[in-house]
Amino acid sequence: MKRVTLLALCLTFTLCHAQQSGVYVNNLKSIRVLVNGQWDSYPVMLLHSGQYVDILFDDMQHTYVRRTYRVTHCNADWTQSDLLESEYMDGFNGQPIDGYEPSLSTTSIYNHYQLRIPNEDVRLKVTGNYRVDIFEDGDPEPVASACFSVMEQRVGVDITVSSNTDIDTYKEHQQVSFNVNYSTYHVNHPEQELLPVVTQNRRWDNHVSGLRPTYLQVNTLIFNHNRSLIFPAGNEYRRMEILDEYVPTMRVESMQYEQPYYHAYIMTDKQRTHYIYDEDQNGRYLVRNGDNEDNETESEYFITHFRLEMPQLSGGELYLNGDLTNGRFAEEYRMEYNLLEHCYELTIPLKMGSYNYQYLFVPDGETQGYTAEAEGDFYQTENEYAVYIYHRPFGERYDHLVGFNIIKYLGNK
């Protein structure tokens, strides 16, 4: 087999979303944002609460590279806000990332970096969205970005989800409704000043914003039967694990060592035409090895081979999707169709761990992915919906994050 290198597999991104973390150079991998060290957390922390955000990533170069970071405050739409640096943080930008460890006993040699915010150099002062850009020393362009939000729970957010929608009844879609209660929070013009954003499974390609309330009650905004909040239901995420260098684990068909890398061949996936129940983690992944020791520095990287058996699609591209891709429709995650084998194929380097993933179809000229073509849409699917409530008072120069809630819809189970 032709040897494949890690660097050759990591190309720069094409379609992307500013509100998602990601890397922009070939040698960086596995960037994650964890709140309080929890691998399954949303990237949202409480202001002045003792909570913290960890930003982790690996550098496949063998030598230490000095890196610095810059914290930027963003609006609800993730554009840079008008605040001065001194207005949103105490401390100074341009500080080095001191958390650094080399990999141990791995064939793929890498350096693991970790940055915690807040720290002795940076303390955040206001709520809202934040982007942390990472720079190689002396380079004016960032090599990676990490995105998270900081909030104060000033308003109540009550969410419901139903499979009974205006599009169909108990078939392919799910309707999100929610109420925003501001009885303990002063808002002059709530219908204009409160800005909701809704996501499904932490995806930002299909997030919904620009909503107006269906009607108002005393101290409450009602967002009910809004057609913009009808989401394709999708299917449960596919799962696989790479936990050992020698023994195939969940859905790994075979593995082998081809100098200088290990390879893992995932069982061929099929196009889904019906709902398949599984206890998935809605797109997340957890870095770990079979011994569960020093997971960040002793976990091997595998050249991982995906195959999806289905007819070739026209009018767009198919992408591997999930937290393992940071939700980005990047060139390195685009599936190539093998005409002889009648299947889509993709080969990417992945760190040992437990993974959720799915296949999304992106029509030409669009930036949103669709589940229908490869995964199907079924009302029974268990999904997570999150509602962010931003507040922009008249005359203010930034969006406060004043409410946040999550609902795990169990698909009528």
Protein backbone atom coordinates (compact mmCIF):
# COMPACT_ATOMS: atom_id res chain seq x y z
CA MET A 1 0.00 0.00 0.00
CA LYS A 2 1.17 3.48 -0.76
CA ARG A 3 2.51 5.14 2.39
CA VAL A 4 0.44 8.04 3.65
CA THR A 5 1.92 10.71 5.91
CA LEU A 6 0.12 12.72 8.53
CA LEU A 7 1.03 16.03 6.95
CA ALA A 8 -0.21 15.04 3.54
CA LEU A 9 -3.60 14.26 5.00
CA CYS A 10 -4.09 17.65 6.67
CA LEU A 11 -5.08 20.30 4.16
CA THR A 12 -6.28 23.80 4.83
CA PHE A 13 -10.00 24.37 5.35
CA THR A 14 -12.42 25.67 2.75
CA LEU A 15 -15.97 25.96 4.07
CA CYS A 16 -15.87 27.00 7.71
CA HIS A 17 -17.72 28.82 10.45
CA ALA A 18 -16.09 31.54 12.53
CA GLN A 19 -17.76 30.32 15.71
CA GLN A 20 -16.02 26.95 15.62
CA SER A 21 -12.60 25.98 16.83
CA GLY A 22 -10.15 24.73 14.24
CA VAL A 23 -6.59 24.55 12.98
CA TYR A 24 -5.24 26.28 9.88
CA VAL A 25 -1.89 24.52 9.40
CA ASN A 26 -0.98 20.94 8.55
CA ASN A 27 0.88 19.98 11.71
CA LEU A 28 -1.70 20.79 14.41
CA LYS A 29 -4.30 18.17 15.41
CA SER A 30 -6.99 17.34 17.97
CA ILE A 31 -7.88 20.84 19.14
CA ARG A 32 -10.50 20.78 21.90
CA VAL A 33 -12.16 23.21 24.30
CA LEU A 34 -13.12 21.70 27.66
CA VAL A 35 -14.92 23.44 30.52
CA ASN A 36 -13.66 22.30 33.95
CA GLY A 37 -11.83 19.43 32.25
CA GLN A 38 -15.07 17.71 31.23
CA TRP A 39 -14.79 16.09 27.80
CA ASP A 40 -18.56 16.16 27.18
CA SER A 41 -19.16 19.76 28.24
CA TYR A 42 -20.49 22.58 26.11
CA PRO A 43 -17.88 25.35 25.62
CA VAL A 44 -19.80 27.67 27.95
CA MET A 45 -18.59 28.75 31.40
CA LEU A 46 -19.96 31.02 34.12
CA LEU A 47 -18.27 34.37 34.69
CA HIS A 48 -16.42 34.86 38.02
CA SER A 49 -17.46 31.39 39.19
CA GLY A 50 -14.15 29.57 39.49
CA GLN A 51 -14.88 27.70 36.28
CA TYR A 52 -12.19 27.52 33.60
CA VAL A 53 -11.66 26.59 29.97
CA ASP A 54 -8.85 24.30 28.80
CA ILE A 55 -7.69 24.56 25.20
CA LEU A 56 -5.76 21.47 24.11
CA PHE A 57 -4.03 20.53 20.86
CA ASP A 58 -1.15 18.47 19.50
CA ASP A 59 1.73 19.52 17.26
CA MET A 60 3.00 16.73 15.03
CA GLN A 61 6.37 18.45 14.70
CA HIS A 62 9.10 16.79 16.71
CA THR A 63 10.53 19.96 18.18
CA TYR A 64 9.15 22.51 20.61
CA VAL A 65 7.68 25.62 18.99
CA ARG A 66 7.03 28.74 21.05
CA ARG A 67 3.39 29.77 20.70
CA THR A 68 1.46 32.78 21.94
CA TYR A 69 -2.25 33.49 22.15
CA ARG A 70 -4.61 36.42 21.74
CA VAL A 71 -8.09 36.65 23.29
CA THR A 72 -10.77 38.50 21.30
CA HIS A 73 -14.28 39.35 22.47
CA CYS A 74 -17.01 38.66 19.90
CA ASN A 75 -20.63 39.55 19.29
CA ALA A 76 -23.50 37.06 19.18
CA ASP A 77 -22.72 36.43 15.48
CA TRP A 78 -19.02 35.87 16.31
CA THR A 79 -17.82 39.04 14.63
CA GLN A 80 -15.34 41.01 16.72
CA SER A 81 -17.05 43.33 19.21
CA ASP A 82 -16.25 47.03 19.63
CA LEU A 83 -14.85 46.60 23.13
CA LEU A 84 -11.28 47.59 23.87
CA GLU A 85 -9.03 44.86 25.20
CA SER A 86 -8.95 46.54 28.62
CA GLU A 87 -12.76 46.48 28.73
CA TYR A 88 -13.16 42.71 28.38
CA MET A 89 -10.05 41.34 30.10
CA ASP A 90 -7.51 42.04 32.80
CA GLY A 91 -3.99 41.26 31.70
CA PHE A 92 -2.23 41.34 28.37
CA ASN A 93 -2.51 39.50 25.07
CA GLY A 94 0.48 37.95 23.38
CA GLN A 95 1.45 35.73 26.32
CA PRO A 96 3.20 32.39 25.63
CA ILE A 97 1.47 29.03 26.04
CA ASP A 98 3.51 27.46 28.83
CA GLY A 99 1.63 24.16 29.13
CA TYR A 100 3.69 21.75 27.03
CA GLU A 101 4.51 18.03 27.18
CA PRO A 102 6.16 15.72 24.62
CA SER A 103 4.49 12.44 23.75
CA LEU A 104 5.79 9.34 25.50
CA SER A 105 6.41 5.92 23.92
CA THR A 106 4.43 6.72 20.75
CA THR A 107 5.42 5.96 17.18
CA SER A 108 3.87 9.24 16.05
CA ILE A 109 5.94 11.78 17.92
CA TYR A 110 4.06 14.90 18.90
CA ASN A 111 4.02 17.70 21.44
CA HIS A 112 0.88 18.28 23.51
CA TYR A 113 -0.08 21.86 24.41
CA GLN A 114 -2.60 23.04 27.00
CA LEU A 115 -3.80 26.57 27.78
CA ARG A 116 -6.13 27.37 30.67
CA ILE A 117 -8.26 30.52 30.86
CA PRO A 118 -8.50 32.38 33.18
CA ASN A 119 -4.89 32.28 34.35
CA GLU A 120 -2.32 34.58 35.99
CA ASP A 121 -1.98 36.60 32.78
CA VAL A 122 -5.59 36.76 31.53
CA ARG A 123 -8.84 37.19 33.44
CA LEU A 124 -12.12 37.79 31.63
CA LYS A 125 -14.34 40.65 32.76
CA VAL A 126 -17.58 40.46 30.74
CA THR A 127 -19.91 37.85 29.31
CA GLY A 128 -20.26 37.01 25.63
CA ASN A 129 -18.39 35.01 23.02
CA TYR A 130 -14.60 34.70 22.98
CA ARG A 131 -12.14 33.57 20.35
CA VAL A 132 -8.59 32.59 21.29
CA ASP A 133 -6.20 32.80 18.34
CA ILE A 134 -2.96 30.85 18.60
CA PHE A 135 0.20 32.09 16.87
CA GLU A 136 3.60 30.64 16.17
CA ASP A 137 6.25 33.01 17.45
CA GLY A 138 6.74 35.84 14.95
CA ASP A 139 3.93 34.77 12.61
CA PRO A 140 1.20 37.44 12.14
CA GLU A 141 -1.46 34.91 11.10
CA PRO A 142 -3.02 32.46 13.58
CA VAL A 143 -2.34 28.74 13.21
CA ALA A 144 -5.44 27.76 15.22
CA SER A 145 -8.48 29.23 16.94
CA ALA A 146 -10.52 28.09 19.92
CA CYS A 147 -14.03 29.42 20.59
CA PHE A 148 -16.07 29.46 23.78
CA SER A 149 -18.70 31.53 25.58
CA VAL A 150 -18.90 33.15 29.02
CA MET A 151 -22.28 33.75 30.63
CA GLU A 152 -24.25 34.93 33.62
CA GLN A 153 -27.65 33.25 34.07
CA ARG A 154 -29.86 36.36 34.25
CA VAL A 155 -32.92 35.00 32.41
CA GLY A 156 -34.68 31.66 32.51
CA VAL A 157 -34.80 29.51 29.38
CA ASP A 158 -37.39 26.72 29.17
CA ILE A 159 -37.09 24.44 26.10
CA THR A 160 -39.40 21.80 24.65
CA VAL A 161 -39.00 19.61 21.56
CA SER A 162 -41.69 17.78 19.61
CA SER A 163 -41.69 15.50 16.57
CA ASN A 164 -45.12 16.85 15.65
CA THR A 165 -44.24 19.67 13.24
CA ASP A 166 -45.86 21.83 10.58
CA ILE A 167 -43.83 19.96 7.92
CA ASP A 168 -44.79 16.43 8.89
CA THR A 169 -46.16 14.53 11.87
CA TYR A 170 -43.89 11.96 13.51
CA LYS A 171 -41.71 11.44 10.47
CA GLU A 172 -38.50 13.31 9.71
CA HIS A 173 -38.31 16.56 11.71
CA GLN A 174 -38.25 17.99 15.23
CA GLN A 175 -39.77 21.28 16.37
CA VAL A 176 -37.99 23.34 19.03
CA SER A 177 -39.96 25.81 21.16
CA PHE A 178 -38.75 27.86 24.10
CA ASN A 179 -39.72 30.59 26.54
CA VAL A 180 -37.46 33.32 27.91
CA ASN A 181 -38.40 34.58 31.37
CA TYR A 182 -36.83 37.92 32.33
CA SER A 183 -38.88 38.62 35.47
CA THR A 184 -35.72 39.10 37.60
CA TYR A 185 -33.72 40.93 34.94
CA HIS A 186 -34.37 44.44 33.68
CA VAL A 187 -34.88 44.71 29.91
CA ASN A 188 -36.35 47.87 28.38
CA HIS A 189 -37.44 46.38 25.05
CA PRO A 190 -37.14 42.59 25.37
CA GLU A 191 -38.46 41.71 21.89
CA GLN A 192 -35.73 43.86 20.29
CA GLU A 193 -32.91 43.52 22.83
CA LEU A 194 -32.91 39.79 23.59
CA LEU A 195 -31.23 37.78 20.81
CA PRO A 196 -31.71 33.97 20.81
CA VAL A 197 -29.41 31.51 19.03
CA VAL A 198 -30.38 27.82 18.76
CA THR A 199 -28.07 24.90 17.92
CA GLN A 200 -28.57 21.17 17.32
CA ASN A 201 -25.86 18.83 18.68
CA ARG A 202 -23.42 21.78 18.94
CA ARG A 203 -23.44 22.16 15.15
CA TRP A 204 -23.08 25.72 13.86
CA ASP A 205 -23.62 25.08 10.16
CA ASN A 206 -27.40 24.78 10.77
CA HIS A 207 -27.78 27.11 13.78
CA VAL A 208 -30.77 29.45 13.89
CA SER A 209 -30.63 33.15 14.80
CA GLY A 210 -32.51 36.35 13.95
CA LEU A 211 -35.65 35.02 15.67
CA ARG A 212 -38.61 37.14 16.72
CA PRO A 213 -40.99 35.98 19.49
CA THR A 214 -44.31 34.44 18.49
CA TYR A 215 -46.00 36.44 21.22
CA LEU A 216 -45.35 38.12 24.57
CA GLN A 217 -46.64 37.35 28.04
CA VAL A 218 -45.86 39.18 31.26
CA ASN A 219 -42.04 39.12 31.61
CA THR A 220 -41.85 36.26 29.09
CA LEU A 221 -41.03 35.91 25.40
CA ILE A 222 -42.67 32.90 23.71
CA PHE A 223 -40.98 31.26 20.71
CA ASN A 224 -43.55 28.69 19.65
CA HIS A 225 -44.43 26.99 16.31
CA ASN A 226 -41.65 28.90 14.56
CA ARG A 227 -40.92 27.32 11.19
CA SER A 228 -37.26 28.38 11.45
CA LEU A 229 -36.96 26.11 14.49
CA ILE A 230 -37.94 22.93 12.66
CA PHE A 231 -34.78 20.83 12.33
CA PRO A 232 -34.18 17.69 10.22
CA ALA A 233 -34.06 14.96 12.87
CA GLY A 234 -31.13 13.00 11.43
CA ASN A 235 -30.14 9.61 12.82
CA GLU A 236 -28.05 8.51 15.79
CA TYR A 237 -24.34 9.18 15.34
CA ARG A 238 -22.17 6.30 14.24
CA ARG A 239 -19.59 5.15 16.79
CA MET A 240 -16.14 3.58 16.75
CA GLU A 241 -13.15 3.21 19.09
CA ILE A 242 -9.41 2.92 18.61
CA LEU A 243 -7.98 1.96 22.00
CA ASP A 244 -5.13 -0.46 21.32
CA GLU A 245 -2.23 -0.73 18.88
CA TYR A 246 -2.70 -4.47 18.36
CA VAL A 247 -6.29 -5.48 19.14
CA PRO A 248 -9.18 -4.14 17.03
CA THR A 249 -11.86 -2.51 19.18
CA MET A 250 -15.38 -1.22 18.45
CA ARG A 251 -16.10 -1.28 14.68
CA VAL A 252 -12.43 -1.54 13.73
CA GLU A 253 -12.23 -4.23 11.07
CA SER A 254 -8.46 -4.52 10.98
CA MET A 255 -5.30 -2.69 11.93
CA GLN A 256 -1.70 -2.88 10.90
CA TYR A 257 1.60 -1.09 11.22
CA GLU A 258 3.08 0.37 8.07
CA GLN A 259 6.22 2.23 8.94
CA PRO A 260 6.13 4.85 10.31
CA TYR A 261 2.41 4.82 11.28
CA TYR A 262 -0.32 2.57 12.60
CA HIS A 263 -3.39 2.17 10.39
CA ALA A 264 -6.97 1.43 11.46
CA TYR A 265 -9.57 0.28 8.94
CA ILE A 266 -13.10 1.05 10.11
CA MET A 267 -15.86 -1.38 9.12
CA THR A 268 -17.57 -0.26 5.94
CA ASP A 269 -20.57 1.94 6.72
CA LYS A 270 -23.85 1.62 4.83
CA GLN A 271 -26.26 4.27 3.64
CA ARG A 272 -29.07 4.36 6.20
CA THR A 273 -32.67 3.94 5.12
CA HIS A 274 -34.21 3.40 8.56
CA TYR A 275 -33.73 4.58 12.13
CA ILE A 276 -30.96 2.83 14.07
CA TYR A 277 -31.02 3.22 17.85
CA ASP A 278 -27.71 3.58 19.65
CA GLU A 279 -26.56 5.28 22.85
CA ASP A 280 -24.40 7.84 21.12
CA GLN A 281 -22.81 11.00 22.51
CA ASN A 282 -24.24 13.33 19.85
CA GLY A 283 -21.00 13.84 17.95
CA ARG A 284 -18.47 14.04 20.78
CA TYR A 285 -15.19 12.19 21.10
CA LEU A 286 -12.96 11.27 24.03
CA VAL A 287 -9.19 10.92 23.74
CA ARG A 288 -8.12 7.81 25.63
CA ASN A 289 -6.15 4.59 25.31
CA GLY A 290 -6.86 1.08 26.54
CA ASP A 291 -4.80 1.57 29.72
CA ASN A 292 -6.48 4.95 30.34
CA GLU A 293 -3.16 6.34 31.57
CA ASP A 294 -1.62 9.63 30.45
CA ASN A 295 -4.21 9.77 27.68
CA GLU A 296 -3.01 13.08 26.29
CA THR A 297 0.65 12.12 25.85
CA GLU A 298 0.64 8.31 25.56
CA SER A 299 -2.15 7.87 23.02
CA GLU A 300 -1.00 6.89 19.55
CA TYR A 301 -2.09 8.51 16.30
CA PHE A 302 -3.62 6.15 13.71
CA ILE A 303 -4.09 6.70 10.01
CA THR A 304 -7.82 5.96 10.01
CA HIS A 305 -9.67 4.69 6.93
CA PHE A 306 -13.42 5.35 6.53
CA ARG A 307 -15.66 3.81 3.84
CA LEU A 308 -19.34 4.51 3.14
CA GLU A 309 -21.11 2.21 0.69
CA MET A 310 -23.79 4.11 -1.26
CA PRO A 311 -24.49 5.48 -4.77
CA GLN A 312 -22.57 8.58 -5.77
CA LEU A 313 -24.37 11.84 -5.06
CA SER A 314 -24.59 14.74 -7.49
CA GLY A 315 -24.92 18.46 -6.91
CA GLY A 316 -22.70 18.65 -3.85
CA GLU A 317 -20.08 16.99 -1.66
CA LEU A 318 -20.20 14.50 1.20
CA TYR A 319 -18.22 15.22 4.39
CA LEU A 320 -17.28 13.33 7.51
CA ASN A 321 -18.70 15.34 10.42
CA GLY A 322 -18.64 15.49 14.21
CA ASP A 323 -16.46 16.97 16.92
CA LEU A 324 -13.53 15.07 15.39
CA THR A 325 -13.73 17.54 12.47
CA ASN A 326 -14.65 20.50 14.70
CA GLY A 327 -17.85 20.62 12.66
CA ARG A 328 -15.99 22.14 9.71
CA PHE A 329 -16.58 21.25 6.08
CA ALA A 330 -12.88 21.30 5.36
CA GLU A 331 -11.16 19.81 2.35
CA GLU A 332 -9.41 17.17 4.47
CA TYR A 333 -12.80 15.83 5.57
CA ARG A 334 -14.38 15.65 2.11
CA MET A 335 -15.20 12.09 1.02
CA GLU A 336 -13.84 10.87 -2.34
CA TYR A 337 -16.00 8.51 -4.39
CA ASN A 338 -14.44 5.22 -5.52
CA LEU A 339 -16.23 4.29 -8.74
CA LEU A 340 -14.86 0.74 -8.76
CA GLU A 341 -15.92 -0.02 -5.18
CA HIS A 342 -19.14 2.05 -5.32
CA CYS A 343 -18.34 3.77 -2.05
CA TYR A 344 -17.09 7.00 -0.52
CA GLU A 345 -13.66 6.90 1.13
CA LEU A 346 -11.63 9.09 3.44
CA THR A 347 -8.33 8.66 5.26
CA ILE A 348 -7.38 10.95 8.16
CA PRO A 349 -5.10 10.77 11.22
CA LEU A 350 -6.93 10.35 14.53
CA LYS A 351 -5.66 10.10 18.07
CA MET A 352 -6.65 7.00 20.02
CA GLY A 353 -10.08 7.35 21.60
CA SER A 354 -13.84 6.86 21.38
CA TYR A 355 -15.50 8.69 18.49
CA ASN A 356 -18.94 9.69 17.23
CA TYR A 357 -19.32 10.70 13.59
CA GLN A 358 -21.82 11.10 10.77
CA TYR A 359 -21.85 11.88 7.05
CA LEU A 360 -23.33 15.19 5.88
CA PHE A 361 -24.16 16.27 2.34
CA VAL A 362 -23.36 19.89 1.46
CA PRO A 363 -25.05 21.10 -1.76
CA ASP A 364 -22.99 23.18 -4.16
CA GLY A 365 -22.93 26.81 -3.13
CA GLU A 366 -24.19 26.16 0.41
CA THR A 367 -22.48 25.99 3.81
CA GLN A 368 -25.05 23.83 5.62
CA GLY A 369 -24.86 20.07 5.82
CA TYR A 370 -27.84 17.70 5.49
CA THR A 371 -28.34 14.27 7.04
CA ALA A 372 -31.04 12.97 4.68
CA GLU A 373 -28.78 11.65 1.91
CA ALA A 374 -26.49 9.35 3.92
CA GLU A 375 -27.99 9.10 7.41
CA GLY A 376 -31.71 9.65 6.85
CA ASP A 377 -34.05 11.77 9.00
CA PHE A 378 -36.18 10.03 11.63
CA TYR A 379 -38.31 11.57 14.36
CA GLN A 380 -37.12 9.01 16.94
CA THR A 381 -33.55 10.35 16.91
CA GLU A 382 -32.15 11.54 20.23
CA ASN A 383 -30.72 15.04 19.77
CA GLU A 384 -29.39 17.84 21.95
CA TYR A 385 -30.68 21.37 21.46
CA ALA A 386 -29.08 24.41 23.09
CA VAL A 387 -30.51 27.93 23.35
CA TYR A 388 -28.22 30.93 23.92
CA ILE A 389 -29.82 34.25 24.92
CA TYR A 390 -27.79 37.38 24.23
CA HIS A 391 -28.73 40.88 25.38
CA ARG A 392 -27.79 44.04 23.50
CA PRO A 393 -29.28 47.04 25.36
CA PHE A 394 -29.76 50.14 23.24
CA GLY A 395 -26.52 52.10 23.16
CA GLU A 396 -24.36 49.13 24.26
CA ARG A 397 -21.30 48.07 22.26
CA TYR A 398 -21.42 44.34 22.80
CA ASP A 399 -23.75 41.38 23.31
CA HIS A 400 -24.06 40.06 26.87
CA LEU A 401 -24.73 36.31 27.22
CA VAL A 402 -27.48 36.27 29.86
CA GLY A 403 -29.13 32.87 29.39
CA PHE A 404 -28.26 29.35 28.30
CA ASN A 405 -29.96 25.99 28.52
CA ILE A 406 -29.79 22.53 26.94
CA ILE A 407 -32.43 19.89 26.35
CA LYS A 408 -31.69 16.28 25.45
CA TYR A 409 -34.64 15.17 23.37
CA LEU A 410 -35.22 11.46 23.83
CA GLY A 411 -37.16 10.86 20.65
CA ASN A 412 -40.43 9.95 22.41
CA LYS A 413 -38.69 7.14 24.30
